[in-house]
Amino acid sequence: MKKLLTVMAVLAAVMISGCNKSSSNDSASDSTAAAEKSLLQVADDSNFDAIIAQGVVLVDFWAPWCPPCRVQLPLVEKAAEQLDGKAKVVKLNVDEGKQAAAKFGVSSIPTLIVFKDGKEVKKFVGVTQPDELVAAVNAAL
């Protein structure tokens, strides 16, 4: 039932906003600012490999112009709270991290990948609930 409600919320967001790059830059700034104020690290192509190199890392591949990605953000933040420092939780804007996104075959967003010592362990495509993300990270620990 929760997944159905999430899917319905995503569809509503897409219908209202549309998933195109011509959305306001204000929402891009707001999303980036929210990620930076939260428990999430922000990555781009220049620091991505170093961030995922050691330990367990959950990475959210997203873009500010993507409504489902905006739905995913609070869910990732909730997962980060539940993980309470056990693993790094990172946001990578695919517009700023094109090489990293391509390297891991990210063609739809949001995509969330759990890495352990730089290697992909688990991949989720689409809006994913915090409990699923936390379970995947805990399994990789």
N, C-alpha and C. Protein backbone atom coordinates (compact mmCIF):
# COMPACT_ATOMS: atom_id res chain seq x y z
N MET A 1 0.81 -1.19 0.00
CA MET A 1 0.00 0.00 0.00
C MET A 1 0.87 1.27 0.00
N LYS A 2 1.98 1.23 0.80
CA LYS A 2 2.86 2.40 0.84
C LYS A 2 3.46 2.67 -0.54
N LYS A 3 3.85 1.60 -1.24
CA LYS A 3 4.43 1.78 -2.57
C LYS A 3 3.41 2.38 -3.52
N LEU A 4 2.15 1.94 -3.42
CA LEU A 4 1.11 2.48 -4.28
C LEU A 4 0.93 3.96 -4.02
N LEU A 5 0.90 4.35 -2.74
CA LEU A 5 0.77 5.76 -2.41
C LEU A 5 1.96 6.57 -2.92
N THR A 6 3.14 6.00 -2.80
CA THR A 6 4.34 6.68 -3.30
C THR A 6 4.27 6.86 -4.81
N VAL A 7 3.87 5.81 -5.51
CA VAL A 7 3.75 5.89 -6.96
C VAL A 7 2.72 6.95 -7.35
N MET A 8 1.61 6.98 -6.62
CA MET A 8 0.57 7.98 -6.91
C MET A 8 1.10 9.39 -6.67
N ALA A 9 1.88 9.58 -5.60
CA ALA A 9 2.45 10.90 -5.31
C ALA A 9 3.42 11.32 -6.40
N VAL A 10 4.21 10.39 -6.87
CA VAL A 10 5.17 10.69 -7.94
C VAL A 10 4.44 11.05 -9.22
N LEU A 11 3.44 10.27 -9.56
CA LEU A 11 2.67 10.57 -10.77
C LEU A 11 2.01 11.94 -10.68
N ALA A 12 1.47 12.25 -9.52
CA ALA A 12 0.85 13.56 -9.34
C ALA A 12 1.88 14.67 -9.51
N ALA A 13 3.07 14.48 -8.93
CA ALA A 13 4.13 15.49 -9.06
C ALA A 13 4.54 15.66 -10.51
N VAL A 14 4.65 14.55 -11.24
CA VAL A 14 5.05 14.62 -12.64
C VAL A 14 3.97 15.33 -13.45
N MET A 15 2.72 15.01 -13.18
CA MET A 15 1.63 15.63 -13.92
C MET A 15 1.56 17.13 -13.65
N ILE A 16 1.81 17.53 -12.40
CA ILE A 16 1.74 18.94 -12.05
C ILE A 16 2.93 19.71 -12.60
N SER A 17 4.14 19.16 -12.40
CA SER A 17 5.36 19.90 -12.73
C SER A 17 5.95 19.56 -14.08
N GLY A 18 5.78 18.35 -14.52
CA GLY A 18 6.47 17.90 -15.71
C GLY A 18 7.93 17.66 -15.36
N CYS A 19 8.57 16.72 -16.04
CA CYS A 19 9.96 16.40 -15.73
C CYS A 19 10.83 16.92 -16.85
N ASN A 20 10.97 18.25 -16.92
CA ASN A 20 11.81 18.82 -17.97
C ASN A 20 12.79 19.81 -17.38
N LYS A 21 13.84 20.05 -18.10
CA LYS A 21 14.91 20.89 -17.60
C LYS A 21 14.55 22.37 -17.57
N SER A 22 13.43 22.75 -18.13
CA SER A 22 13.10 24.16 -18.19
C SER A 22 12.46 24.67 -16.91
N SER A 23 12.38 23.85 -15.87
CA SER A 23 11.84 24.28 -14.59
C SER A 23 12.70 25.40 -14.01
N SER A 24 12.13 26.12 -13.07
CA SER A 24 12.79 27.26 -12.45
C SER A 24 14.10 26.89 -11.79
N ASN A 25 15.09 27.75 -11.93
CA ASN A 25 16.36 27.54 -11.24
C ASN A 25 16.22 27.73 -9.75
N ASP A 26 15.16 28.42 -9.30
CA ASP A 26 14.94 28.59 -7.87
C ASP A 26 14.77 27.24 -7.20
N SER A 27 14.01 26.33 -7.83
CA SER A 27 13.81 25.01 -7.23
C SER A 27 15.12 24.23 -7.22
N ALA A 28 15.97 24.45 -8.22
CA ALA A 28 17.28 23.80 -8.24
C ALA A 28 18.11 24.29 -7.06
N SER A 29 18.12 25.59 -6.83
CA SER A 29 18.87 26.15 -5.72
C SER A 29 18.32 25.65 -4.39
N ASP A 30 16.98 25.60 -4.28
CA ASP A 30 16.35 25.13 -3.06
C ASP A 30 16.72 23.67 -2.78
N SER A 31 16.69 22.83 -3.81
CA SER A 31 17.01 21.42 -3.63
C SER A 31 18.46 21.23 -3.23
N THR A 32 19.35 21.96 -3.88
CA THR A 32 20.77 21.86 -3.55
C THR A 32 21.01 22.37 -2.13
N ALA A 33 20.39 23.47 -1.77
CA ALA A 33 20.56 24.02 -0.43
C ALA A 33 20.04 23.04 0.62
N ALA A 34 18.91 22.40 0.34
CA ALA A 34 18.34 21.44 1.28
C ALA A 34 19.29 20.26 1.47
N ALA A 35 19.89 19.78 0.39
CA ALA A 35 20.81 18.65 0.49
C ALA A 35 22.05 19.06 1.29
N GLU A 36 22.52 20.29 1.10
CA GLU A 36 23.72 20.73 1.78
C GLU A 36 23.49 20.96 3.27
N LYS A 37 22.25 21.32 3.68
CA LYS A 37 21.95 21.56 5.09
C LYS A 37 21.64 20.27 5.82
N SER A 38 21.43 19.21 5.12
CA SER A 38 21.02 17.95 5.73
C SER A 38 22.22 17.10 6.11
N LEU A 39 21.93 15.84 6.40
CA LEU A 39 22.97 14.87 6.74
C LEU A 39 23.68 14.35 5.50
N LEU A 40 23.33 14.85 4.34
CA LEU A 40 23.85 14.33 3.09
C LEU A 40 25.08 15.09 2.62
N GLN A 41 26.04 14.34 2.10
CA GLN A 41 27.19 14.96 1.43
C GLN A 41 26.79 15.23 -0.01
N VAL A 42 27.42 16.20 -0.62
CA VAL A 42 27.18 16.51 -2.02
C VAL A 42 28.42 16.12 -2.82
N ALA A 43 28.19 15.36 -3.90
CA ALA A 43 29.30 14.90 -4.73
C ALA A 43 29.15 15.42 -6.15
N ASP A 44 30.27 15.43 -6.87
CA ASP A 44 30.28 15.71 -8.30
C ASP A 44 31.40 14.86 -8.91
N ASP A 45 31.67 15.04 -10.18
CA ASP A 45 32.69 14.22 -10.82
C ASP A 45 34.07 14.37 -10.19
N SER A 46 34.35 15.54 -9.63
CA SER A 46 35.69 15.78 -9.08
C SER A 46 35.97 15.01 -7.78
N ASN A 47 34.93 14.69 -7.02
CA ASN A 47 35.17 14.04 -5.72
C ASN A 47 34.47 12.69 -5.57
N PHE A 48 33.73 12.27 -6.56
CA PHE A 48 32.91 11.07 -6.43
C PHE A 48 33.71 9.82 -6.11
N ASP A 49 34.76 9.54 -6.88
CA ASP A 49 35.54 8.32 -6.65
C ASP A 49 36.15 8.28 -5.25
N ALA A 50 36.61 9.42 -4.77
CA ALA A 50 37.19 9.47 -3.42
C ALA A 50 36.13 9.21 -2.36
N ILE A 51 34.93 9.73 -2.56
CA ILE A 51 33.86 9.56 -1.58
C ILE A 51 33.44 8.10 -1.46
N ILE A 52 33.34 7.38 -2.58
CA ILE A 52 32.86 6.00 -2.52
C ILE A 52 33.97 4.98 -2.30
N ALA A 53 35.22 5.41 -2.28
CA ALA A 53 36.37 4.50 -2.25
C ALA A 53 36.41 3.58 -1.03
N GLN A 54 36.02 4.08 0.13
CA GLN A 54 36.12 3.28 1.35
C GLN A 54 34.81 3.27 2.10
N GLY A 55 34.49 2.10 2.66
CA GLY A 55 33.29 1.97 3.48
C GLY A 55 32.04 1.79 2.65
N VAL A 56 30.91 1.89 3.34
CA VAL A 56 29.61 1.74 2.69
C VAL A 56 29.04 3.13 2.46
N VAL A 57 28.58 3.35 1.22
CA VAL A 57 28.07 4.66 0.81
C VAL A 57 26.78 4.47 0.03
N LEU A 58 25.75 5.21 0.40
CA LEU A 58 24.50 5.26 -0.36
C LEU A 58 24.51 6.53 -1.19
N VAL A 59 24.39 6.39 -2.50
CA VAL A 59 24.41 7.55 -3.39
C VAL A 59 23.07 7.70 -4.09
N ASP A 60 22.51 8.90 -4.01
CA ASP A 60 21.28 9.25 -4.71
C ASP A 60 21.66 10.06 -5.95
N PHE A 61 21.47 9.47 -7.13
CA PHE A 61 21.69 10.16 -8.40
C PHE A 61 20.39 10.88 -8.73
N TRP A 62 20.44 12.19 -8.87
CA TRP A 62 19.23 13.00 -9.00
C TRP A 62 19.49 14.21 -9.88
N ALA A 63 18.45 15.00 -10.12
CA ALA A 63 18.58 16.29 -10.78
C ALA A 63 17.49 17.21 -10.24
N PRO A 64 17.78 18.49 -10.12
CA PRO A 64 16.80 19.42 -9.54
C PRO A 64 15.56 19.63 -10.40
N TRP A 65 15.64 19.33 -11.69
CA TRP A 65 14.51 19.53 -12.60
C TRP A 65 13.60 18.31 -12.65
N CYS A 66 13.87 17.29 -11.87
CA CYS A 66 13.14 16.02 -11.91
C CYS A 66 12.19 15.91 -10.71
N PRO A 67 10.87 15.98 -10.92
CA PRO A 67 9.92 15.89 -9.79
C PRO A 67 10.05 14.61 -8.95
N PRO A 68 10.22 13.43 -9.55
CA PRO A 68 10.38 12.25 -8.68
C PRO A 68 11.62 12.35 -7.78
N CYS A 69 12.64 13.05 -8.25
CA CYS A 69 13.85 13.24 -7.43
C CYS A 69 13.53 14.11 -6.22
N ARG A 70 12.64 15.08 -6.40
CA ARG A 70 12.24 15.93 -5.27
C ARG A 70 11.41 15.13 -4.27
N VAL A 71 10.66 14.14 -4.75
CA VAL A 71 9.93 13.25 -3.85
C VAL A 71 10.92 12.38 -3.09
N GLN A 72 11.99 11.96 -3.75
CA GLN A 72 12.99 11.07 -3.14
C GLN A 72 13.81 11.75 -2.06
N LEU A 73 14.10 13.04 -2.20
CA LEU A 73 14.99 13.74 -1.27
C LEU A 73 14.63 13.54 0.20
N PRO A 74 13.39 13.80 0.64
CA PRO A 74 13.10 13.60 2.07
C PRO A 74 13.20 12.14 2.49
N LEU A 75 12.98 11.22 1.57
CA LEU A 75 13.09 9.79 1.88
C LEU A 75 14.56 9.41 2.12
N VAL A 76 15.45 9.98 1.31
CA VAL A 76 16.89 9.74 1.49
C VAL A 76 17.35 10.38 2.80
N GLU A 77 16.86 11.57 3.11
CA GLU A 77 17.22 12.22 4.37
C GLU A 77 16.76 11.38 5.56
N LYS A 78 15.57 10.81 5.46
CA LYS A 78 15.07 9.95 6.53
C LYS A 78 15.95 8.71 6.68
N ALA A 79 16.38 8.13 5.56
CA ALA A 79 17.29 6.98 5.60
C ALA A 79 18.60 7.38 6.28
N ALA A 80 19.11 8.57 5.95
CA ALA A 80 20.36 9.04 6.55
C ALA A 80 20.20 9.18 8.07
N GLU A 81 19.06 9.67 8.52
CA GLU A 81 18.80 9.78 9.95
C GLU A 81 18.79 8.40 10.60
N GLN A 82 18.15 7.43 9.94
CA GLN A 82 18.06 6.08 10.49
C GLN A 82 19.43 5.40 10.52
N LEU A 83 20.27 5.72 9.56
CA LEU A 83 21.61 5.11 9.52
C LEU A 83 22.54 5.71 10.57
N ASP A 84 22.24 6.94 10.98
CA ASP A 84 22.94 7.59 12.08
C ASP A 84 24.46 7.44 12.03
N GLY A 85 25.03 7.74 10.86
CA GLY A 85 26.48 7.74 10.73
C GLY A 85 27.13 6.39 10.44
N LYS A 86 26.34 5.32 10.31
CA LYS A 86 26.90 4.00 10.01
C LYS A 86 27.52 3.97 8.61
N ALA A 87 26.98 4.80 7.72
CA ALA A 87 27.45 4.85 6.33
C ALA A 87 27.29 6.28 5.83
N LYS A 88 28.04 6.61 4.79
CA LYS A 88 27.87 7.93 4.17
C LYS A 88 26.64 7.89 3.28
N VAL A 89 25.93 9.01 3.25
CA VAL A 89 24.79 9.17 2.35
C VAL A 89 25.09 10.41 1.51
N VAL A 90 25.04 10.23 0.19
CA VAL A 90 25.55 11.23 -0.74
C VAL A 90 24.52 11.52 -1.82
N LYS A 91 24.44 12.79 -2.23
CA LYS A 91 23.62 13.20 -3.37
C LYS A 91 24.56 13.58 -4.51
N LEU A 92 24.26 13.07 -5.71
CA LEU A 92 25.05 13.44 -6.88
C LEU A 92 24.08 13.95 -7.95
N ASN A 93 24.14 15.25 -8.22
CA ASN A 93 23.34 15.85 -9.27
C ASN A 93 23.93 15.37 -10.61
N VAL A 94 23.14 14.65 -11.39
CA VAL A 94 23.67 14.05 -12.62
C VAL A 94 24.11 15.10 -13.64
N ASP A 95 23.62 16.33 -13.51
CA ASP A 95 24.08 17.39 -14.40
C ASP A 95 25.51 17.82 -14.05
N GLU A 96 25.91 17.62 -12.80
CA GLU A 96 27.25 17.98 -12.35
C GLU A 96 28.15 16.75 -12.22
N GLY A 97 27.58 15.58 -12.36
CA GLY A 97 28.33 14.34 -12.23
C GLY A 97 28.03 13.39 -13.37
N LYS A 98 28.12 13.91 -14.58
CA LYS A 98 27.79 13.10 -15.77
C LYS A 98 28.69 11.88 -15.92
N GLN A 99 29.97 12.03 -15.61
CA GLN A 99 30.90 10.91 -15.77
C GLN A 99 30.59 9.80 -14.76
N ALA A 100 30.33 10.18 -13.52
CA ALA A 100 30.01 9.18 -12.50
C ALA A 100 28.69 8.48 -12.83
N ALA A 101 27.70 9.24 -13.27
CA ALA A 101 26.41 8.65 -13.63
C ALA A 101 26.58 7.67 -14.79
N ALA A 102 27.36 8.06 -15.79
CA ALA A 102 27.58 7.18 -16.95
C ALA A 102 28.35 5.93 -16.55
N LYS A 103 29.34 6.10 -15.69
CA LYS A 103 30.18 4.98 -15.26
C LYS A 103 29.35 3.87 -14.61
N PHE A 104 28.26 4.25 -13.92
CA PHE A 104 27.44 3.26 -13.24
C PHE A 104 26.10 3.03 -13.93
N GLY A 105 26.00 3.42 -15.19
CA GLY A 105 24.83 3.10 -16.00
C GLY A 105 23.54 3.76 -15.56
N VAL A 106 23.65 4.95 -14.99
CA VAL A 106 22.45 5.66 -14.55
C VAL A 106 21.80 6.31 -15.76
N SER A 107 20.64 5.79 -16.15
CA SER A 107 19.93 6.35 -17.30
C SER A 107 18.56 6.87 -16.91
N SER A 108 18.08 6.53 -15.73
CA SER A 108 16.82 7.03 -15.19
C SER A 108 17.09 7.55 -13.79
N ILE A 109 16.38 8.63 -13.43
CA ILE A 109 16.55 9.17 -12.09
C ILE A 109 15.19 9.32 -11.43
N PRO A 110 15.12 9.18 -10.13
CA PRO A 110 16.23 8.92 -9.24
C PRO A 110 16.72 7.47 -9.34
N THR A 111 18.03 7.32 -9.23
CA THR A 111 18.67 6.01 -9.08
C THR A 111 19.49 6.10 -7.80
N LEU A 112 19.38 5.07 -6.98
CA LEU A 112 20.14 5.02 -5.73
C LEU A 112 21.00 3.78 -5.75
N ILE A 113 22.28 3.96 -5.43
CA ILE A 113 23.21 2.84 -5.45
C ILE A 113 23.94 2.76 -4.11
N VAL A 114 24.01 1.54 -3.58
CA VAL A 114 24.80 1.28 -2.39
C VAL A 114 26.16 0.76 -2.87
N PHE A 115 27.22 1.41 -2.41
CA PHE A 115 28.59 1.01 -2.73
C PHE A 115 29.27 0.49 -1.47
N LYS A 116 30.15 -0.48 -1.65
CA LYS A 116 31.04 -0.92 -0.57
C LYS A 116 32.45 -0.92 -1.12
N ASP A 117 33.29 -0.10 -0.53
CA ASP A 117 34.69 0.04 -0.95
C ASP A 117 34.79 0.27 -2.46
N GLY A 118 33.94 1.17 -2.98
CA GLY A 118 33.99 1.57 -4.37
C GLY A 118 33.27 0.68 -5.35
N LYS A 119 32.73 -0.45 -4.88
CA LYS A 119 32.05 -1.38 -5.78
C LYS A 119 30.54 -1.35 -5.53
N GLU A 120 29.79 -1.37 -6.62
CA GLU A 120 28.33 -1.37 -6.52
C GLU A 120 27.84 -2.66 -5.88
N VAL A 121 26.97 -2.51 -4.86
CA VAL A 121 26.42 -3.65 -4.16
C VAL A 121 24.94 -3.83 -4.49
N LYS A 122 24.20 -2.72 -4.54
CA LYS A 122 22.76 -2.78 -4.78
C LYS A 122 22.33 -1.51 -5.49
N LYS A 123 21.40 -1.65 -6.45
CA LYS A 123 20.91 -0.49 -7.20
C LYS A 123 19.38 -0.46 -7.14
N PHE A 124 18.84 0.73 -6.92
CA PHE A 124 17.40 0.97 -6.94
C PHE A 124 17.13 2.04 -8.00
N VAL A 125 16.13 1.82 -8.82
CA VAL A 125 15.73 2.81 -9.82
C VAL A 125 14.30 3.22 -9.50
N GLY A 126 14.09 4.53 -9.39
CA GLY A 126 12.78 5.05 -9.03
C GLY A 126 12.72 5.38 -7.55
N VAL A 127 11.61 5.99 -7.16
CA VAL A 127 11.44 6.39 -5.77
C VAL A 127 11.47 5.15 -4.89
N THR A 128 12.31 5.20 -3.86
CA THR A 128 12.54 4.06 -2.97
C THR A 128 12.36 4.50 -1.52
N GLN A 129 11.66 3.69 -0.76
CA GLN A 129 11.36 4.01 0.63
C GLN A 129 12.60 3.90 1.52
N PRO A 130 12.65 4.69 2.59
CA PRO A 130 13.81 4.69 3.48
C PRO A 130 14.13 3.31 4.05
N ASP A 131 13.13 2.55 4.43
CA ASP A 131 13.38 1.23 5.03
C ASP A 131 14.13 0.30 4.07
N GLU A 132 13.80 0.37 2.77
CA GLU A 132 14.51 -0.45 1.78
C GLU A 132 15.96 -0.01 1.65
N LEU A 133 16.17 1.30 1.67
CA LEU A 133 17.52 1.82 1.55
C LEU A 133 18.36 1.45 2.76
N VAL A 134 17.79 1.61 3.95
CA VAL A 134 18.50 1.28 5.18
C VAL A 134 18.83 -0.20 5.23
N ALA A 135 17.88 -1.06 4.83
CA ALA A 135 18.12 -2.51 4.82
C ALA A 135 19.27 -2.86 3.88
N ALA A 136 19.32 -2.23 2.72
CA ALA A 136 20.39 -2.51 1.75
C ALA A 136 21.74 -2.05 2.30
N VAL A 137 21.77 -0.90 2.94
CA VAL A 137 23.02 -0.40 3.52
C VAL A 137 23.46 -1.33 4.65
N ASN A 138 22.53 -1.70 5.53
CA ASN A 138 22.87 -2.59 6.65
C ASN A 138 23.38 -3.93 6.16
N ALA A 139 22.82 -4.43 5.06
CA ALA A 139 23.28 -5.70 4.50
C ALA A 139 24.71 -5.60 3.98
N ALA A 140 25.10 -4.39 3.55
CA ALA A 140 26.44 -4.19 3.01
C ALA A 140 27.48 -3.91 4.09
N LEU A 141 27.03 -3.56 5.27
CA LEU A 141 27.98 -3.24 6.36
C LEU A 141 28.76 -4.45 6.82
